[in-house]
């Protein structure tokens, strides 16, 4: 099983002053590692579960790390549903590359001919972060070129959208919101002690993406808005 690299959630300003030297756009997808070998492709999710297993007719023999764009609105809008955006490699032709600095792994990746449905993520100097921030990506990932795979500490900057929503109910585990979404993360323990008391009030909730349904991805409670009418 390949572990996902560790990262710190940062503001854009923090990332630009943290000593990173490269930046990549972050897509709205799920982390995967893809094992290519003669005759087959096995795609595993973050917990090691097998999410795809199919015949592979190419000659690539490698383990690639990437983000699979499955079931996301961004992928649908850009006609990339099911694509894997590749951003790292840890094994090639039986050779373990994980101890190499990222700059060498990136160079190795850039020389590969990736199969259909896989493409290499674009990369820029860290100073390009502010310009990339203005695009329609979910966020940015900052890297240091001299770090090995296992010891890397990435910087992740996500765009947040904040909305005011009426609390429509309590499910027993989380607050049900008027848009059909649910939120538990960030809710103070004082509210969880008597959650029914807050039904009908307006809450400020932040999320990474607002889907067409009106629901937020990864919603987080920010605060109650007593100044807003329910």
C-alpha atoms as a PDB file:
ATOM      1  CA  UNK A   1       0.000   0.000   0.000  1.00  0.00           C
ATOM      2  CA  UNK A   2       1.267   3.481  -0.924  1.00  0.00           C
ATOM      3  CA  UNK A   3       0.693   6.126   1.734  1.00  0.00           C
ATOM      4  CA  UNK A   4      -0.555   9.550   0.773  1.00  0.00           C
ATOM      5  CA  UNK A   5       1.996  12.293   1.371  1.00  0.00           C
ATOM      6  CA  UNK A   6       1.509  14.594   4.349  1.00  0.00           C
ATOM      7  CA  UNK A   7       0.460  18.181   3.805  1.00  0.00           C
ATOM      8  CA  UNK A   8      -0.291  21.359   5.704  1.00  0.00           C
ATOM      9  CA  UNK A   9      -3.382  23.420   4.956  1.00  0.00           C
ATOM     10  CA  UNK A  10      -2.129  26.956   4.411  1.00  0.00           C
ATOM     11  CA  UNK A  11      -3.265  30.320   3.178  1.00  0.00           C
ATOM     12  CA  UNK A  12      -1.812  31.475  -0.115  1.00  0.00           C
ATOM     13  CA  UNK A  13       0.389  33.986   1.691  1.00  0.00           C
ATOM     14  CA  UNK A  14       1.726  31.328   4.064  1.00  0.00           C
ATOM     15  CA  UNK A  15       2.514  28.986   1.180  1.00  0.00           C
ATOM     16  CA  UNK A  16       4.380  31.664  -0.750  1.00  0.00           C
ATOM     17  CA  UNK A  17       6.653  32.362   2.224  1.00  0.00           C
ATOM     18  CA  UNK A  18       7.217  28.743   3.329  1.00  0.00           C
ATOM     19  CA  UNK A  19      10.157  27.882   1.090  1.00  0.00           C
ATOM     20  CA  UNK A  20       8.319  25.874  -1.581  1.00  0.00           C
ATOM     21  CA  UNK A  21       9.732  26.151  -5.085  1.00  0.00           C
ATOM     22  CA  UNK A  22       7.008  24.635  -7.280  1.00  0.00           C
ATOM     23  CA  UNK A  23       3.228  24.843  -7.453  1.00  0.00           C
ATOM     24  CA  UNK A  24       0.587  22.741  -9.193  1.00  0.00           C
ATOM     25  CA  UNK A  25      -3.162  23.209  -9.594  1.00  0.00           C
ATOM     26  CA  UNK A  26      -5.306  20.999  -7.367  1.00  0.00           C
ATOM     27  CA  UNK A  27      -8.238  19.327  -9.061  1.00  0.00           C
ATOM     28  CA  UNK A  28     -11.555  18.298  -7.555  1.00  0.00           C
ATOM     29  CA  UNK A  29     -10.877  14.550  -7.541  1.00  0.00           C
ATOM     30  CA  UNK A  30      -9.911  11.583  -5.397  1.00  0.00           C
ATOM     31  CA  UNK A  31      -6.327  10.560  -4.589  1.00  0.00           C
ATOM     32  CA  UNK A  32      -5.267   7.284  -6.236  1.00  0.00           C
ATOM     33  CA  UNK A  33      -2.155   5.249  -6.893  1.00  0.00           C
ATOM     34  CA  UNK A  34      -2.086   3.367 -10.177  1.00  0.00           C
ATOM     35  CA  UNK A  35      -0.103   0.178 -10.664  1.00  0.00           C
ATOM     36  CA  UNK A  36       0.675  -0.544 -14.319  1.00  0.00           C
ATOM     37  CA  UNK A  37       2.147  -3.901 -15.255  1.00  0.00           C
ATOM     38  CA  UNK A  38       2.130  -5.996 -18.433  1.00  0.00           C
ATOM     39  CA  UNK A  39      -1.478  -6.973 -19.017  1.00  0.00           C
ATOM     40  CA  UNK A  40      -3.201  -5.110 -16.214  1.00  0.00           C
ATOM     41  CA  UNK A  41      -3.893  -1.834 -14.446  1.00  0.00           C
ATOM     42  CA  UNK A  42      -4.857  -1.721 -10.766  1.00  0.00           C
ATOM     43  CA  UNK A  43      -6.054   1.574  -9.307  1.00  0.00           C
ATOM     44  CA  UNK A  44      -6.188   1.900  -5.516  1.00  0.00           C
ATOM     45  CA  UNK A  45      -7.790   4.568  -3.361  1.00  0.00           C
ATOM     46  CA  UNK A  46      -6.445   6.364  -0.326  1.00  0.00           C
ATOM     47  CA  UNK A  47      -7.125   3.493   2.098  1.00  0.00           C
ATOM     48  CA  UNK A  48      -5.694   0.882  -0.274  1.00  0.00           C
ATOM     49  CA  UNK A  49      -9.041  -0.309  -1.625  1.00  0.00           C
ATOM     50  CA  UNK A  50      -9.118  -1.460  -5.243  1.00  0.00           C
ATOM     51  CA  UNK A  51     -11.300   0.967  -7.215  1.00  0.00           C
ATOM     52  CA  UNK A  52     -10.423  -0.146 -10.766  1.00  0.00           C
ATOM     53  CA  UNK A  53      -8.954  -3.314 -12.235  1.00  0.00           C
ATOM     54  CA  UNK A  54      -8.749  -3.601 -15.999  1.00  0.00           C
ATOM     55  CA  UNK A  55      -6.768  -4.981 -18.899  1.00  0.00           C
ATOM     56  CA  UNK A  56      -3.786  -2.845 -19.914  1.00  0.00           C
ATOM     57  CA  UNK A  57      -2.216  -3.477 -23.313  1.00  0.00           C
ATOM     58  CA  UNK A  58       0.674  -1.019 -23.056  1.00  0.00           C
ATOM     59  CA  UNK A  59       4.264  -1.580 -22.012  1.00  0.00           C
ATOM     60  CA  UNK A  60       4.337   0.766 -19.000  1.00  0.00           C
ATOM     61  CA  UNK A  61       5.497  -0.910 -15.785  1.00  0.00           C
ATOM     62  CA  UNK A  62       5.204   1.710 -13.061  1.00  0.00           C
ATOM     63  CA  UNK A  63       3.338   2.979 -10.010  1.00  0.00           C
ATOM     64  CA  UNK A  64       1.958   6.471 -10.508  1.00  0.00           C
ATOM     65  CA  UNK A  65       0.285   8.791  -8.019  1.00  0.00           C
ATOM     66  CA  UNK A  66      -2.530  11.048  -9.130  1.00  0.00           C
ATOM     67  CA  UNK A  67      -6.010  12.451  -8.742  1.00  0.00           C
ATOM     68  CA  UNK A  68      -8.930  10.700 -10.460  1.00  0.00           C
ATOM     69  CA  UNK A  69     -11.701  12.988 -11.658  1.00  0.00           C
ATOM     70  CA  UNK A  70     -14.773  10.888 -10.933  1.00  0.00           C
ATOM     71  CA  UNK A  71     -18.215  12.334 -10.272  1.00  0.00           C
ATOM     72  CA  UNK A  72     -17.069  15.942 -10.020  1.00  0.00           C
ATOM     73  CA  UNK A  73     -18.692  18.941 -11.648  1.00  0.00           C
ATOM     74  CA  UNK A  74     -15.326  20.324 -12.758  1.00  0.00           C
ATOM     75  CA  UNK A  75     -14.608  17.093 -14.664  1.00  0.00           C
ATOM     76  CA  UNK A  76     -18.022  17.190 -16.328  1.00  0.00           C
ATOM     77  CA  UNK A  77     -17.635  20.830 -17.331  1.00  0.00           C
ATOM     78  CA  UNK A  78     -14.191  20.194 -18.842  1.00  0.00           C
ATOM     79  CA  UNK A  79     -15.009  16.796 -20.407  1.00  0.00           C
ATOM     80  CA  UNK A  80     -12.449  15.004 -18.235  1.00  0.00           C
ATOM     81  CA  UNK A  81     -14.677  12.597 -16.319  1.00  0.00           C
ATOM     82  CA  UNK A  82     -12.627   9.545 -15.354  1.00  0.00           C
ATOM     83  CA  UNK A  83      -9.284  11.126 -16.231  1.00  0.00           C
ATOM     84  CA  UNK A  84      -6.337  10.710 -13.871  1.00  0.00           C
ATOM     85  CA  UNK A  85      -4.121  13.745 -13.351  1.00  0.00           C
ATOM     86  CA  UNK A  86      -0.676  12.292 -12.567  1.00  0.00           C
ATOM     87  CA  UNK A  87       1.615  14.199 -10.209  1.00  0.00           C
ATOM     88  CA  UNK A  88       4.167  11.669  -8.942  1.00  0.00           C
ATOM     89  CA  UNK A  89       5.857   8.336  -9.583  1.00  0.00           C
ATOM     90  CA  UNK A  90       7.292   5.949  -6.973  1.00  0.00           C
ATOM     91  CA  UNK A  91       8.308   2.897  -9.044  1.00  0.00           C
ATOM     92  CA  UNK A  92       9.436   2.265 -12.610  1.00  0.00           C
ATOM     93  CA  UNK A  93      10.396  -1.094 -14.154  1.00  0.00           C
ATOM     94  CA  UNK A  94      10.847  -2.636 -10.720  1.00  0.00           C
ATOM     95  CA  UNK A  95      13.041   0.199  -9.404  1.00  0.00           C
ATOM     96  CA  UNK A  96      11.917   2.055  -6.265  1.00  0.00           C
ATOM     97  CA  UNK A  97      12.064   5.808  -6.943  1.00  0.00           C
ATOM     98  CA  UNK A  98      10.532   7.008  -3.676  1.00  0.00           C
ATOM     99  CA  UNK A  99      13.878   7.983  -2.110  1.00  0.00           C
ATOM    100  CA  UNK A 100      14.797  10.239  -5.027  1.00  0.00           C
ATOM    101  CA  UNK A 101      14.197  13.980  -4.729  1.00  0.00           C
ATOM    102  CA  UNK A 102      10.957  15.166  -6.276  1.00  0.00           C
ATOM    103  CA  UNK A 103      12.791  17.001  -9.078  1.00  0.00           C
ATOM    104  CA  UNK A 104      14.194  13.684 -10.352  1.00  0.00           C
ATOM    105  CA  UNK A 105      10.867  11.898 -10.037  1.00  0.00           C
ATOM    106  CA  UNK A 106       9.210  14.729 -11.972  1.00  0.00           C
ATOM    107  CA  UNK A 107      11.835  14.505 -14.715  1.00  0.00           C
ATOM    108  CA  UNK A 108      11.235  10.750 -14.957  1.00  0.00           C
ATOM    109  CA  UNK A 109       7.497  11.348 -15.229  1.00  0.00           C
ATOM    110  CA  UNK A 110       7.922  13.931 -17.951  1.00  0.00           C
ATOM    111  CA  UNK A 111       9.738  11.379 -20.153  1.00  0.00           C
ATOM    112  CA  UNK A 112       6.964   8.768 -19.937  1.00  0.00           C
ATOM    113  CA  UNK A 113       4.303   8.339 -22.565  1.00  0.00           C
ATOM    114  CA  UNK A 114       1.216   8.128 -20.395  1.00  0.00           C
ATOM    115  CA  UNK A 115      -1.707   5.972 -21.523  1.00  0.00           C
ATOM    116  CA  UNK A 116      -4.970   7.448 -22.741  1.00  0.00           C
ATOM    117  CA  UNK A 117      -6.975   8.884 -19.848  1.00  0.00           C
ATOM    118  CA  UNK A 118      -3.831   9.848 -17.893  1.00  0.00           C
ATOM    119  CA  UNK A 119      -2.047  13.182 -18.141  1.00  0.00           C
ATOM    120  CA  UNK A 120       0.761  14.888 -16.298  1.00  0.00           C
ATOM    121  CA  UNK A 121      -0.247  17.773 -14.049  1.00  0.00           C
ATOM    122  CA  UNK A 122       1.134  21.124 -15.129  1.00  0.00           C
ATOM    123  CA  UNK A 123       3.804  22.602 -12.871  1.00  0.00           C
ATOM    124  CA  UNK A 124       5.036  26.160 -12.329  1.00  0.00           C
ATOM    125  CA  UNK A 125       7.505  28.060 -10.142  1.00  0.00           C
ATOM    126  CA  UNK A 126       5.985  28.775  -6.724  1.00  0.00           C
ATOM    127  CA  UNK A 127       5.901  32.475  -7.594  1.00  0.00           C
ATOM    128  CA  UNK A 128       3.148  31.699 -10.132  1.00  0.00           C
ATOM    129  CA  UNK A 129       0.793  30.808  -7.267  1.00  0.00           C
ATOM    130  CA  UNK A 130      -1.164  34.100  -7.242  1.00  0.00           C
ATOM    131  CA  UNK A 131      -1.899  33.853 -10.990  1.00  0.00           C
ATOM    132  CA  UNK A 132      -2.973  30.195 -10.719  1.00  0.00           C
ATOM    133  CA  UNK A 133      -5.194  31.093  -7.779  1.00  0.00           C
ATOM    134  CA  UNK A 134      -7.384  33.118 -10.153  1.00  0.00           C
ATOM    135  CA  UNK A 135      -8.213  30.069 -12.306  1.00  0.00           C
ATOM    136  CA  UNK A 136     -11.157  27.704 -11.734  1.00  0.00           C
ATOM    137  CA  UNK A 137      -9.116  25.015  -9.952  1.00  0.00           C
ATOM    138  CA  UNK A 138     -10.134  23.714  -6.518  1.00  0.00           C
ATOM    139  CA  UNK A 139      -6.883  25.005  -5.067  1.00  0.00           C
ATOM    140  CA  UNK A 140      -3.100  24.730  -5.240  1.00  0.00           C
ATOM    141  CA  UNK A 141      -0.432  22.271  -4.082  1.00  0.00           C
ATOM    142  CA  UNK A 142       3.064  23.571  -3.274  1.00  0.00           C
ATOM    143  CA  UNK A 143       6.148  21.310  -3.261  1.00  0.00           C
ATOM    144  CA  UNK A 144       9.870  21.339  -2.495  1.00  0.00           C
ATOM    145  CA  UNK A 145      11.975  19.833  -5.276  1.00  0.00           C
ATOM    146  CA  UNK A 146      14.593  18.300  -2.956  1.00  0.00           C
ATOM    147  CA  UNK A 147      12.200  16.144  -0.881  1.00  0.00           C
ATOM    148  CA  UNK A 148      11.814  12.376  -1.178  1.00  0.00           C
ATOM    149  CA  UNK A 149       8.330  10.906  -1.464  1.00  0.00           C
ATOM    150  CA  UNK A 150       8.100   9.624   2.114  1.00  0.00           C
ATOM    151  CA  UNK A 151       9.556  12.712   3.790  1.00  0.00           C
ATOM    152  CA  UNK A 152       7.794  15.374   1.749  1.00  0.00           C
ATOM    153  CA  UNK A 153       5.581  17.917   3.464  1.00  0.00           C
ATOM    154  CA  UNK A 154       3.319  19.537   0.892  1.00  0.00           C
ATOM    155  CA  UNK A 155       1.460  22.795   1.204  1.00  0.00           C
ATOM    156  CA  UNK A 156      -2.211  22.709   0.245  1.00  0.00           C
ATOM    157  CA  UNK A 157      -4.226  25.858  -0.356  1.00  0.00           C
ATOM    158  CA  UNK A 158      -7.955  25.369  -0.946  1.00  0.00           C
ATOM    159  CA  UNK A 159     -10.517  27.865  -2.064  1.00  0.00           C
ATOM    160  CA  UNK A 160     -13.386  28.237   0.364  1.00  0.00           C
ATOM    161  CA  UNK A 161     -16.910  29.421  -0.355  1.00  0.00           C
ATOM    162  CA  UNK A 162     -18.954  30.684   2.585  1.00  0.00           C
ATOM    163  CA  UNK A 163     -22.763  30.640   2.609  1.00  0.00           C
ATOM    164  CA  UNK A 164     -25.481  31.330   5.178  1.00  0.00           C
ATOM    165  CA  UNK A 165     -27.931  28.448   5.568  1.00  0.00           C
ATOM    166  CA  UNK A 166     -30.854  27.743   7.852  1.00  0.00           C
ATOM    167  CA  UNK A 167     -30.426  24.724  10.144  1.00  0.00           C
ATOM    168  CA  UNK A 168     -33.342  22.507   9.140  1.00  0.00           C
ATOM    169  CA  UNK A 169     -32.904  19.702  11.650  1.00  0.00           C
ATOM    170  CA  UNK A 170     -30.674  17.395  13.675  1.00  0.00           C
ATOM    171  CA  UNK A 171     -29.991  13.862  12.412  1.00  0.00           C
ATOM    172  CA  UNK A 172     -28.556  12.558  15.660  1.00  0.00           C
ATOM    173  CA  UNK A 173     -25.014  13.011  14.351  1.00  0.00           C
ATOM    174  CA  UNK A 174     -25.015  16.219  12.326  1.00  0.00           C
ATOM    175  CA  UNK A 175     -27.056  19.299  11.505  1.00  0.00           C
ATOM    176  CA  UNK A 176     -29.276  19.047   8.433  1.00  0.00           C
ATOM    177  CA  UNK A 177     -29.110  22.219   6.344  1.00  0.00           C
ATOM    178  CA  UNK A 178     -31.822  23.792   4.205  1.00  0.00           C
ATOM    179  CA  UNK A 179     -29.906  22.921   1.003  1.00  0.00           C
ATOM    180  CA  UNK A 180     -30.080  19.210   1.887  1.00  0.00           C
ATOM    181  CA  UNK A 181     -26.478  19.073   3.050  1.00  0.00           C
ATOM    182  CA  UNK A 182     -25.216  18.160   6.505  1.00  0.00           C
ATOM    183  CA  UNK A 183     -22.534  19.630   8.731  1.00  0.00           C
ATOM    184  CA  UNK A 184     -20.796  18.377  11.871  1.00  0.00           C
ATOM    185  CA  UNK A 185     -17.207  19.504  11.398  1.00  0.00           C
ATOM    186  CA  UNK A 186     -16.446  22.677  13.301  1.00  0.00           C
ATOM    187  CA  UNK A 187     -19.631  22.621  15.400  1.00  0.00           C
ATOM    188  CA  UNK A 188     -18.775  23.667  19.002  1.00  0.00           C
ATOM    189  CA  UNK A 189     -19.339  21.103  21.747  1.00  0.00           C
ATOM    190  CA  UNK A 190     -21.638  23.592  23.463  1.00  0.00           C
ATOM    191  CA  UNK A 191     -24.038  23.300  20.505  1.00  0.00           C
ATOM    192  CA  UNK A 192     -23.789  19.512  20.408  1.00  0.00           C
ATOM    193  CA  UNK A 193     -24.933  19.340  24.037  1.00  0.00           C
ATOM    194  CA  UNK A 194     -28.417  20.516  23.009  1.00  0.00           C
ATOM    195  CA  UNK A 195     -28.519  20.552  19.202  1.00  0.00           C
ATOM    196  CA  UNK A 196     -32.305  20.715  18.798  1.00  0.00           C
ATOM    197  CA  UNK A 197     -32.243  24.200  20.321  1.00  0.00           C
ATOM    198  CA  UNK A 198     -30.477  25.550  17.237  1.00  0.00           C
ATOM    199  CA  UNK A 199     -32.862  24.167  14.623  1.00  0.00           C
ATOM    200  CA  UNK A 200     -34.317  27.065  12.671  1.00  0.00           C
ATOM    201  CA  UNK A 201     -31.352  29.359  13.225  1.00  0.00           C
ATOM    202  CA  UNK A 202     -29.015  30.500  10.460  1.00  0.00           C
ATOM    203  CA  UNK A 203     -25.457  29.187  10.314  1.00  0.00           C
ATOM    204  CA  UNK A 204     -22.446  30.376   8.334  1.00  0.00           C
ATOM    205  CA  UNK A 205     -20.949  27.328   6.618  1.00  0.00           C
ATOM    206  CA  UNK A 206     -17.789  27.083   4.479  1.00  0.00           C
ATOM    207  CA  UNK A 207     -16.955  24.495   1.840  1.00  0.00           C
ATOM    208  CA  UNK A 208     -14.478  23.845  -0.964  1.00  0.00           C
ATOM    209  CA  UNK A 209     -16.988  23.600  -3.810  1.00  0.00           C
ATOM    210  CA  UNK A 210     -20.641  24.524  -4.274  1.00  0.00           C
ATOM    211  CA  UNK A 211     -22.244  21.797  -6.393  1.00  0.00           C
ATOM    212  CA  UNK A 212     -25.158  22.518  -8.746  1.00  0.00           C
ATOM    213  CA  UNK A 213     -27.450  20.963  -6.112  1.00  0.00           C
ATOM    214  CA  UNK A 214     -26.482  23.786  -3.763  1.00  0.00           C
ATOM    215  CA  UNK A 215     -24.632  21.450  -1.423  1.00  0.00           C
ATOM    216  CA  UNK A 216     -21.090  22.190  -0.267  1.00  0.00           C
ATOM    217  CA  UNK A 217     -18.187  19.797  -0.546  1.00  0.00           C
ATOM    218  CA  UNK A 218     -16.438  19.213   2.814  1.00  0.00           C
ATOM    219  CA  UNK A 219     -18.745  21.609   4.701  1.00  0.00           C
ATOM    220  CA  UNK A 220     -17.475  23.155   7.924  1.00  0.00           C
ATOM    221  CA  UNK A 221     -19.493  25.123  10.473  1.00  0.00           C
ATOM    222  CA  UNK A 222     -18.124  28.620  11.017  1.00  0.00           C
ATOM    223  CA  UNK A 223     -20.594  30.334  13.337  1.00  0.00           C
ATOM    224  CA  UNK A 224     -24.238  31.082  14.024  1.00  0.00           C
ATOM    225  CA  UNK A 225     -25.678  34.216  12.412  1.00  0.00           C
ATOM    226  CA  UNK A 226     -28.200  35.644  14.911  1.00  0.00           C
ATOM    227  CA  UNK A 227     -28.251  38.806  12.772  1.00  0.00           C
ATOM    228  CA  UNK A 228     -29.841  36.840   9.906  1.00  0.00           C
ATOM    229  CA  UNK A 229     -33.526  36.012   9.817  1.00  0.00           C
ATOM    230  CA  UNK A 230     -34.258  32.275   9.635  1.00  0.00           C
END
